[in-house]
């Protein structure tokens, strides 16, 4: 069994997440579910405001979400590394 580097696994995981978010979301069901379905069933779906824009639907919103989560994780990792190194000193 060959040893796989952690860096390669992280890069592959990010690539898969971006592919699923960008391409896989195009094949998601168009039927309403969750809160959207409940609001339609109970007649208050039109009470909310619609937020349309280039990132509102489709693959871009998924890609933006993946990038946002990666940024948050990166900030947390850097913060925890800095904290650990100051605790050891």
PDB file of N, CA and C in Angstrom:
ATOM      1  N   UNK A   1       0.845  -1.180   0.000  1.00  0.00           N
ATOM      2  CA  UNK A   1       0.000   0.000   0.000  1.00  0.00           C
ATOM      3  C   UNK A   1       0.890   1.243   0.000  1.00  0.00           C
ATOM      4  N   UNK A   2       0.612   2.180  -0.895  1.00  0.00           N
ATOM      5  CA  UNK A   2       1.424   3.386  -0.984  1.00  0.00           C
ATOM      6  C   UNK A   2       0.875   4.454  -0.056  1.00  0.00           C
ATOM      7  N   UNK A   3       1.772   5.258   0.455  1.00  0.00           N
ATOM      8  CA  UNK A   3       1.387   6.336   1.364  1.00  0.00           C
ATOM      9  C   UNK A   3       0.995   7.564   0.542  1.00  0.00           C
ATOM     10  N   UNK A   4      -0.147   8.145   0.876  1.00  0.00           N
ATOM     11  CA  UNK A   4      -0.652   9.314   0.162  1.00  0.00           C
ATOM     12  C   UNK A   4      -0.429  10.537   1.045  1.00  0.00           C
ATOM     13  N   UNK A   5       0.084  11.607   0.453  1.00  0.00           N
ATOM     14  CA  UNK A   5       0.360  12.802   1.245  1.00  0.00           C
ATOM     15  C   UNK A   5      -0.935  13.515   1.626  1.00  0.00           C
ATOM     16  N   UNK A   6      -0.887  14.176   2.752  1.00  0.00           N
ATOM     17  CA  UNK A   6      -2.045  14.922   3.243  1.00  0.00           C
ATOM     18  C   UNK A   6      -2.384  16.068   2.300  1.00  0.00           C
ATOM     19  N   UNK A   7      -1.374  16.713   1.772  1.00  0.00           N
ATOM     20  CA  UNK A   7      -1.596  17.840   0.858  1.00  0.00           C
ATOM     21  C   UNK A   7      -2.369  17.390  -0.377  1.00  0.00           C
ATOM     22  N   UNK A   8      -2.007  16.226  -0.922  1.00  0.00           N
ATOM     23  CA  UNK A   8      -2.711  15.701  -2.094  1.00  0.00           C
ATOM     24  C   UNK A   8      -4.162  15.415  -1.764  1.00  0.00           C
ATOM     25  N   UNK A   9      -4.434  14.847  -0.599  1.00  0.00           N
ATOM     26  CA  UNK A   9      -5.814  14.560  -0.195  1.00  0.00           C
ATOM     27  C   UNK A   9      -6.629  15.840  -0.037  1.00  0.00           C
ATOM     28  N   UNK A  10      -6.028  16.874   0.528  1.00  0.00           N
ATOM     29  CA  UNK A  10      -6.735  18.149   0.701  1.00  0.00           C
ATOM     30  C   UNK A  10      -7.053  18.760  -0.658  1.00  0.00           C
ATOM     31  N   UNK A  11      -6.090  18.774  -1.554  1.00  0.00           N
ATOM     32  CA  UNK A  11      -6.312  19.335  -2.892  1.00  0.00           C
ATOM     33  C   UNK A  11      -7.381  18.538  -3.639  1.00  0.00           C
ATOM     34  N   UNK A  12      -7.328  17.219  -3.549  1.00  0.00           N
ATOM     35  CA  UNK A  12      -8.336  16.386  -4.210  1.00  0.00           C
ATOM     36  C   UNK A  12      -9.718  16.622  -3.602  1.00  0.00           C
ATOM     37  N   UNK A  13      -9.797  16.758  -2.290  1.00  0.00           N
ATOM     38  CA  UNK A  13     -11.076  17.029  -1.627  1.00  0.00           C
ATOM     39  C   UNK A  13     -11.669  18.359  -2.042  1.00  0.00           C
ATOM     40  N   UNK A  14     -10.826  19.382  -2.144  1.00  0.00           N
ATOM     41  CA  UNK A  14     -11.299  20.694  -2.586  1.00  0.00           C
ATOM     42  C   UNK A  14     -11.780  20.621  -4.029  1.00  0.00           C
ATOM     43  N   UNK A  15     -11.045  19.918  -4.872  1.00  0.00           N
ATOM     44  CA  UNK A  15     -11.447  19.784  -6.277  1.00  0.00           C
ATOM     45  C   UNK A  15     -12.790  19.074  -6.398  1.00  0.00           C
ATOM     46  N   UNK A  16     -12.981  18.011  -5.641  1.00  0.00           N
ATOM     47  CA  UNK A  16     -14.256  17.288  -5.677  1.00  0.00           C
ATOM     48  C   UNK A  16     -15.384  18.178  -5.170  1.00  0.00           C
ATOM     49  N   UNK A  17     -15.151  18.913  -4.081  1.00  0.00           N
ATOM     50  CA  UNK A  17     -16.187  19.801  -3.543  1.00  0.00           C
ATOM     51  C   UNK A  17     -16.581  20.870  -4.557  1.00  0.00           C
ATOM     52  N   UNK A  18     -15.594  21.440  -5.241  1.00  0.00           N
ATOM     53  CA  UNK A  18     -15.893  22.460  -6.248  1.00  0.00           C
ATOM     54  C   UNK A  18     -16.640  21.871  -7.436  1.00  0.00           C
ATOM     55  N   UNK A  19     -16.274  20.668  -7.855  1.00  0.00           N
ATOM     56  CA  UNK A  19     -16.981  20.021  -8.965  1.00  0.00           C
ATOM     57  C   UNK A  19     -18.426  19.705  -8.598  1.00  0.00           C
ATOM     58  N   UNK A  20     -18.634  19.172  -7.417  1.00  0.00           N
ATOM     59  CA  UNK A  20     -20.001  18.856  -6.990  1.00  0.00           C
ATOM     60  C   UNK A  20     -20.820  20.133  -6.850  1.00  0.00           C
ATOM     61  N   UNK A  21     -20.229  21.170  -6.269  1.00  0.00           N
ATOM     62  CA  UNK A  21     -20.953  22.427  -6.086  1.00  0.00           C
ATOM     63  C   UNK A  21     -21.245  23.103  -7.417  1.00  0.00           C
ATOM     64  N   UNK A  22     -20.280  23.090  -8.316  1.00  0.00           N
ATOM     65  CA  UNK A  22     -20.446  23.796  -9.581  1.00  0.00           C
ATOM     66  C   UNK A  22     -21.240  23.050 -10.629  1.00  0.00           C
ATOM     67  N   UNK A  23     -21.001  21.762 -10.747  1.00  0.00           N
ATOM     68  CA  UNK A  23     -21.651  20.982 -11.802  1.00  0.00           C
ATOM     69  C   UNK A  23     -22.825  20.176 -11.269  1.00  0.00           C
ATOM     70  N   UNK A  24     -22.650  19.560 -10.123  1.00  0.00           N
ATOM     71  CA  UNK A  24     -23.700  18.718  -9.557  1.00  0.00           C
ATOM     72  C   UNK A  24     -24.968  19.465  -9.214  1.00  0.00           C
ATOM     73  N   UNK A  25     -24.845  20.737  -8.883  1.00  0.00           N
ATOM     74  CA  UNK A  25     -26.034  21.514  -8.516  1.00  0.00           C
ATOM     75  C   UNK A  25     -26.964  21.734  -9.710  1.00  0.00           C
ATOM     76  N   UNK A  26     -26.448  21.626 -10.910  1.00  0.00           N
ATOM     77  CA  UNK A  26     -27.301  21.774 -12.098  1.00  0.00           C
ATOM     78  C   UNK A  26     -28.296  20.625 -12.231  1.00  0.00           C
ATOM     79  N   UNK A  27     -27.970  19.498 -11.629  1.00  0.00           N
ATOM     80  CA  UNK A  27     -28.835  18.325 -11.718  1.00  0.00           C
ATOM     81  C   UNK A  27     -29.708  18.143 -10.478  1.00  0.00           C
ATOM     82  N   UNK A  28     -29.695  19.110  -9.585  1.00  0.00           N
ATOM     83  CA  UNK A  28     -30.520  19.028  -8.380  1.00  0.00           C
ATOM     84  C   UNK A  28     -31.989  19.177  -8.755  1.00  0.00           C
ATOM     85  N   UNK A  29     -32.844  18.668  -7.922  1.00  0.00           N
ATOM     86  CA  UNK A  29     -34.280  18.708  -8.182  1.00  0.00           C
ATOM     87  C   UNK A  29     -34.790  20.141  -8.155  1.00  0.00           C
ATOM     88  N   UNK A  30     -35.685  20.458  -9.066  1.00  0.00           N
ATOM     89  CA  UNK A  30     -36.309  21.771  -9.095  1.00  0.00           C
ATOM     90  C   UNK A  30     -37.552  21.847  -8.232  1.00  0.00           C
ATOM     91  N   UNK A  31     -37.966  20.708  -7.687  1.00  0.00           N
ATOM     92  CA  UNK A  31     -39.147  20.693  -6.829  1.00  0.00           C
ATOM     93  C   UNK A  31     -38.818  21.321  -5.480  1.00  0.00           C
ATOM     94  N   UNK A  32     -39.749  22.123  -4.948  1.00  0.00           N
ATOM     95  CA  UNK A  32     -39.487  22.748  -3.653  1.00  0.00           C
ATOM     96  C   UNK A  32     -39.460  21.717  -2.532  1.00  0.00           C
ATOM     97  N   UNK A  33     -38.613  21.960  -1.562  1.00  0.00           N
ATOM     98  CA  UNK A  33     -38.556  21.089  -0.402  1.00  0.00           C
ATOM     99  C   UNK A  33     -38.272  21.934   0.839  1.00  0.00           C
ATOM    100  N   UNK A  34     -38.387  21.339   1.981  1.00  0.00           N
ATOM    101  CA  UNK A  34     -38.067  22.029   3.219  1.00  0.00           C
ATOM    102  C   UNK A  34     -38.966  23.219   3.464  1.00  0.00           C
ATOM    103  N   UNK A  35     -38.357  24.325   3.858  1.00  0.00           N
ATOM    104  CA  UNK A  35     -39.105  25.527   4.215  1.00  0.00           C
ATOM    105  C   UNK A  35     -39.850  26.112   3.018  1.00  0.00           C
ATOM    106  N   UNK A  36     -39.306  25.988   1.829  1.00  0.00           N
ATOM    107  CA  UNK A  36     -39.991  26.482   0.633  1.00  0.00           C
ATOM    108  C   UNK A  36     -41.310  25.758   0.428  1.00  0.00           C
ATOM    109  N   UNK A  37     -41.313  24.452   0.584  1.00  0.00           N
ATOM    110  CA  UNK A  37     -42.539  23.661   0.428  1.00  0.00           C
ATOM    111  C   UNK A  37     -43.562  24.018   1.498  1.00  0.00           C
ATOM    112  N   UNK A  38     -43.127  24.157   2.733  1.00  0.00           N
ATOM    113  CA  UNK A  38     -44.042  24.509   3.828  1.00  0.00           C
ATOM    114  C   UNK A  38     -44.650  25.882   3.587  1.00  0.00           C
ATOM    115  N   UNK A  39     -43.836  26.847   3.143  1.00  0.00           N
ATOM    116  CA  UNK A  39     -44.363  28.192   2.900  1.00  0.00           C
ATOM    117  C   UNK A  39     -45.366  28.197   1.752  1.00  0.00           C
ATOM    118  N   UNK A  40     -45.150  27.361   0.745  1.00  0.00           N
ATOM    119  CA  UNK A  40     -46.122  27.263  -0.350  1.00  0.00           C
ATOM    120  C   UNK A  40     -47.395  26.573   0.109  1.00  0.00           C
ATOM    121  N   UNK A  41     -47.260  25.521   0.908  1.00  0.00           N
ATOM    122  CA  UNK A  41     -48.431  24.791   1.397  1.00  0.00           C
ATOM    123  C   UNK A  41     -49.311  25.657   2.291  1.00  0.00           C
ATOM    124  N   UNK A  42     -48.692  26.532   3.078  1.00  0.00           N
ATOM    125  CA  UNK A  42     -49.449  27.356   4.020  1.00  0.00           C
ATOM    126  C   UNK A  42     -49.746  28.757   3.493  1.00  0.00           C
ATOM    127  N   UNK A  43     -49.334  29.055   2.285  1.00  0.00           N
ATOM    128  CA  UNK A  43     -49.726  30.288   1.616  1.00  0.00           C
ATOM    129  C   UNK A  43     -48.966  31.541   1.990  1.00  0.00           C
ATOM    130  N   UNK A  44     -47.798  31.428   2.574  1.00  0.00           N
ATOM    131  CA  UNK A  44     -47.044  32.644   2.881  1.00  0.00           C
ATOM    132  C   UNK A  44     -45.726  32.727   2.107  1.00  0.00           C
ATOM    133  N   UNK A  45     -45.648  32.009   1.003  1.00  0.00           N
ATOM    134  CA  UNK A  45     -44.430  32.027   0.187  1.00  0.00           C
ATOM    135  C   UNK A  45     -44.197  33.388  -0.452  1.00  0.00           C
ATOM    136  N   UNK A  46     -45.275  34.105  -0.780  1.00  0.00           N
ATOM    137  CA  UNK A  46     -45.122  35.406  -1.433  1.00  0.00           C
ATOM    138  C   UNK A  46     -44.815  36.519  -0.440  1.00  0.00           C
ATOM    139  N   UNK A  47     -44.843  36.232   0.857  1.00  0.00           N
ATOM    140  CA  UNK A  47     -44.589  37.264   1.864  1.00  0.00           C
ATOM    141  C   UNK A  47     -43.117  37.658   1.917  1.00  0.00           C
ATOM    142  N   UNK A  48     -42.226  36.757   1.544  1.00  0.00           N
ATOM    143  CA  UNK A  48     -40.799  37.050   1.584  1.00  0.00           C
ATOM    144  C   UNK A  48     -40.347  37.802   0.352  1.00  0.00           C
ATOM    145  N   UNK A  49     -39.159  38.354   0.442  1.00  0.00           N
ATOM    146  CA  UNK A  49     -38.588  39.059  -0.704  1.00  0.00           C
ATOM    147  C   UNK A  49     -37.679  38.107  -1.476  1.00  0.00           C
ATOM    148  N   UNK A  50     -37.678  38.258  -2.771  1.00  0.00           N
ATOM    149  CA  UNK A  50     -36.841  37.434  -3.627  1.00  0.00           C
ATOM    150  C   UNK A  50     -35.503  38.132  -3.831  1.00  0.00           C
ATOM    151  N   UNK A  51     -34.437  37.387  -3.720  1.00  0.00           N
ATOM    152  CA  UNK A  51     -33.095  37.932  -3.910  1.00  0.00           C
ATOM    153  C   UNK A  51     -32.504  37.312  -5.165  1.00  0.00           C
ATOM    154  N   UNK A  52     -32.688  37.988  -6.269  1.00  0.00           N
ATOM    155  CA  UNK A  52     -32.156  37.496  -7.532  1.00  0.00           C
ATOM    156  C   UNK A  52     -30.794  38.122  -7.790  1.00  0.00           C
ATOM    157  N   UNK A  53     -30.007  37.443  -8.544  1.00  0.00           N
ATOM    158  CA  UNK A  53     -28.692  37.951  -8.893  1.00  0.00           C
ATOM    159  C   UNK A  53     -27.894  36.866  -9.578  1.00  0.00           C
ATOM    160  N   UNK A  54     -26.695  37.203 -10.006  1.00  0.00           N
ATOM    161  CA  UNK A  54     -25.902  36.220 -10.749  1.00  0.00           C
ATOM    162  C   UNK A  54     -25.473  35.025  -9.900  1.00  0.00           C
ATOM    163  N   UNK A  55     -25.402  35.190  -8.576  1.00  0.00           N
ATOM    164  CA  UNK A  55     -24.965  34.102  -7.707  1.00  0.00           C
ATOM    165  C   UNK A  55     -26.116  33.454  -6.958  1.00  0.00           C
ATOM    166  N   UNK A  56     -27.355  33.835  -7.259  1.00  0.00           N
ATOM    167  CA  UNK A  56     -28.492  33.344  -6.484  1.00  0.00           C
ATOM    168  C   UNK A  56     -28.803  31.882  -6.758  1.00  0.00           C
ATOM    169  N   UNK A  57     -28.635  31.435  -7.962  1.00  0.00           N
ATOM    170  CA  UNK A  57     -28.999  30.070  -8.322  1.00  0.00           C
ATOM    171  C   UNK A  57     -27.881  29.415  -9.109  1.00  0.00           C
ATOM    172  N   UNK A  58     -27.883  28.111  -9.134  1.00  0.00           N
ATOM    173  CA  UNK A  58     -26.960  27.377  -9.984  1.00  0.00           C
ATOM    174  C   UNK A  58     -25.632  27.088  -9.334  1.00  0.00           C
ATOM    175  N   UNK A  59     -24.677  26.797 -10.178  1.00  0.00           N
ATOM    176  CA  UNK A  59     -23.376  26.359  -9.717  1.00  0.00           C
ATOM    177  C   UNK A  59     -22.550  27.414  -9.020  1.00  0.00           C
ATOM    178  N   UNK A  60     -22.718  28.670  -9.398  1.00  0.00           N
ATOM    179  CA  UNK A  60     -21.900  29.719  -8.796  1.00  0.00           C
ATOM    180  C   UNK A  60     -22.133  29.850  -7.304  1.00  0.00           C
ATOM    181  N   UNK A  61     -23.379  29.703  -6.882  1.00  0.00           N
ATOM    182  CA  UNK A  61     -23.653  29.818  -5.447  1.00  0.00           C
ATOM    183  C   UNK A  61     -22.957  28.697  -4.682  1.00  0.00           C
ATOM    184  N   UNK A  62     -22.895  27.512  -5.259  1.00  0.00           N
ATOM    185  CA  UNK A  62     -22.180  26.414  -4.615  1.00  0.00           C
ATOM    186  C   UNK A  62     -20.690  26.654  -4.544  1.00  0.00           C
ATOM    187  N   UNK A  63     -20.121  27.166  -5.620  1.00  0.00           N
ATOM    188  CA  UNK A  63     -18.688  27.456  -5.644  1.00  0.00           C
ATOM    189  C   UNK A  63     -18.354  28.547  -4.632  1.00  0.00           C
ATOM    190  N   UNK A  64     -19.171  29.589  -4.571  1.00  0.00           N
ATOM    191  CA  UNK A  64     -18.953  30.664  -3.598  1.00  0.00           C
ATOM    192  C   UNK A  64     -19.048  30.104  -2.179  1.00  0.00           C
ATOM    193  N   UNK A  65     -19.986  29.197  -1.946  1.00  0.00           N
ATOM    194  CA  UNK A  65     -20.115  28.576  -0.632  1.00  0.00           C
ATOM    195  C   UNK A  65     -18.891  27.762  -0.255  1.00  0.00           C
ATOM    196  N   UNK A  66     -18.369  26.993  -1.195  1.00  0.00           N
ATOM    197  CA  UNK A  66     -17.162  26.198  -0.931  1.00  0.00           C
ATOM    198  C   UNK A  66     -15.989  27.115  -0.613  1.00  0.00           C
ATOM    199  N   UNK A  67     -15.821  28.177  -1.382  1.00  0.00           N
ATOM    200  CA  UNK A  67     -14.717  29.113  -1.152  1.00  0.00           C
ATOM    201  C   UNK A  67     -14.870  29.793   0.206  1.00  0.00           C
ATOM    202  N   UNK A  68     -16.093  30.161   0.581  1.00  0.00           N
ATOM    203  CA  UNK A  68     -16.325  30.798   1.881  1.00  0.00           C
ATOM    204  C   UNK A  68     -15.972  29.856   3.029  1.00  0.00           C
ATOM    205  N   UNK A  69     -16.394  28.610   2.925  1.00  0.00           N
ATOM    206  CA  UNK A  69     -16.072  27.633   3.976  1.00  0.00           C
ATOM    207  C   UNK A  69     -14.565  27.402   4.051  1.00  0.00           C
ATOM    208  N   UNK A  70     -13.900  27.306   2.913  1.00  0.00           N
ATOM    209  CA  UNK A  70     -12.447  27.128   2.909  1.00  0.00           C
ATOM    210  C   UNK A  70     -11.743  28.316   3.553  1.00  0.00           C
ATOM    211  N   UNK A  71     -12.224  29.522   3.298  1.00  0.00           N
ATOM    212  CA  UNK A  71     -11.627  30.713   3.903  1.00  0.00           C
ATOM    213  C   UNK A  71     -11.792  30.692   5.420  1.00  0.00           C
ATOM    214  N   UNK A  72     -12.970  30.309   5.891  1.00  0.00           N
ATOM    215  CA  UNK A  72     -13.207  30.235   7.337  1.00  0.00           C
ATOM    216  C   UNK A  72     -12.304  29.186   7.974  1.00  0.00           C
ATOM    217  N   UNK A  73     -12.192  28.026   7.344  1.00  0.00           N
ATOM    218  CA  UNK A  73     -11.332  26.963   7.877  1.00  0.00           C
ATOM    219  C   UNK A  73      -9.876  27.415   7.895  1.00  0.00           C
ATOM    220  N   UNK A  74      -9.425  28.086   6.849  1.00  0.00           N
ATOM    221  CA  UNK A  74      -8.047  28.564   6.795  1.00  0.00           C
ATOM    222  C   UNK A  74      -7.767  29.549   7.925  1.00  0.00           C
ATOM    223  N   UNK A  75      -8.680  30.476   8.164  1.00  0.00           N
ATOM    224  CA  UNK A  75      -8.504  31.446   9.252  1.00  0.00           C
ATOM    225  C   UNK A  75      -8.444  30.727  10.598  1.00  0.00           C
ATOM    226  N   UNK A  76      -9.322  29.751  10.808  1.00  0.00           N
ATOM    227  CA  UNK A  76      -9.308  29.000  12.067  1.00  0.00           C
ATOM    228  C   UNK A  76      -8.011  28.221  12.247  1.00  0.00           C
ATOM    229  N   UNK A  77      -7.531  27.584  11.190  1.00  0.00           N
ATOM    230  CA  UNK A  77      -6.283  26.824  11.280  1.00  0.00           C
ATOM    231  C   UNK A  77      -5.120  27.749  11.607  1.00  0.00           C
ATOM    232  N   UNK A  78      -5.038  28.882  10.931  1.00  0.00           N
ATOM    233  CA  UNK A  78      -3.951  29.827  11.206  1.00  0.00           C
ATOM    234  C   UNK A  78      -4.027  30.360  12.634  1.00  0.00           C
ATOM    235  N   UNK A  79      -5.235  30.652  13.105  1.00  0.00           N
ATOM    236  CA  UNK A  79      -5.418  31.143  14.470  1.00  0.00           C
ATOM    237  C   UNK A  79      -4.999  30.084  15.486  1.00  0.00           C
ATOM    238  N   UNK A  80      -5.422  28.844  15.274  1.00  0.00           N
ATOM    239  CA  UNK A  80      -5.086  27.782  16.221  1.00  0.00           C
ATOM    240  C   UNK A  80      -3.598  27.448  16.195  1.00  0.00           C
ATOM    241  N   UNK A  81      -2.966  27.509  15.037  1.00  0.00           N
ATOM    242  CA  UNK A  81      -1.518  27.285  14.971  1.00  0.00           C
ATOM    243  C   UNK A  81      -0.765  28.363  15.735  1.00  0.00           C
ATOM    244  N   UNK A  82      -1.182  29.605  15.554  1.00  0.00           N
ATOM    245  CA  UNK A  82      -0.527  30.714  16.237  1.00  0.00           C
ATOM    246  C   UNK A  82      -0.720  30.578  17.747  1.00  0.00           C
ATOM    247  N   UNK A  83      -1.914  30.183  18.137  1.00  0.00           N
ATOM    248  CA  UNK A  83      -2.216  30.022  19.561  1.00  0.00           C
ATOM    249  C   UNK A  83      -1.388  28.884  20.156  1.00  0.00           C
ATOM    250  N   UNK A  84      -1.266  27.774  19.418  1.00  0.00           N
ATOM    251  CA  UNK A  84      -0.489  26.628  19.907  1.00  0.00           C
ATOM    252  C   UNK A  84       0.982  26.995  20.053  1.00  0.00           C
ATOM    253  N   UNK A  85       1.532  27.730  19.086  1.00  0.00           N
ATOM    254  CA  UNK A  85       2.946  28.092  19.156  1.00  0.00           C
ATOM    255  C   UNK A  85       3.213  29.068  20.294  1.00  0.00           C
ATOM    256  N   UNK A  86       2.263  29.945  20.620  1.00  0.00           N
ATOM    257  CA  UNK A  86       2.462  30.867  21.738  1.00  0.00           C
ATOM    258  C   UNK A  86       2.307  30.151  23.078  1.00  0.00           C
ATOM    259  N   UNK A  87       1.499  29.090  23.141  1.00  0.00           N
ATOM    260  CA  UNK A  87       1.352  28.311  24.371  1.00  0.00           C
ATOM    261  C   UNK A  87       2.608  27.501  24.671  1.00  0.00           C
ATOM    262  N   UNK A  88       3.297  27.038  23.632  1.00  0.00           N
ATOM    263  CA  UNK A  88       4.499  26.231  23.814  1.00  0.00           C
ATOM    264  C   UNK A  88       5.703  27.075  24.198  1.00  0.00           C
ATOM    265  N   UNK A  89       5.688  28.353  23.902  1.00  0.00           N
ATOM    266  CA  UNK A  89       6.839  29.222  24.175  1.00  0.00           C
ATOM    267  C   UNK A  89       6.962  29.598  25.622  1.00  0.00           C
TER     268      UNK A  89
END
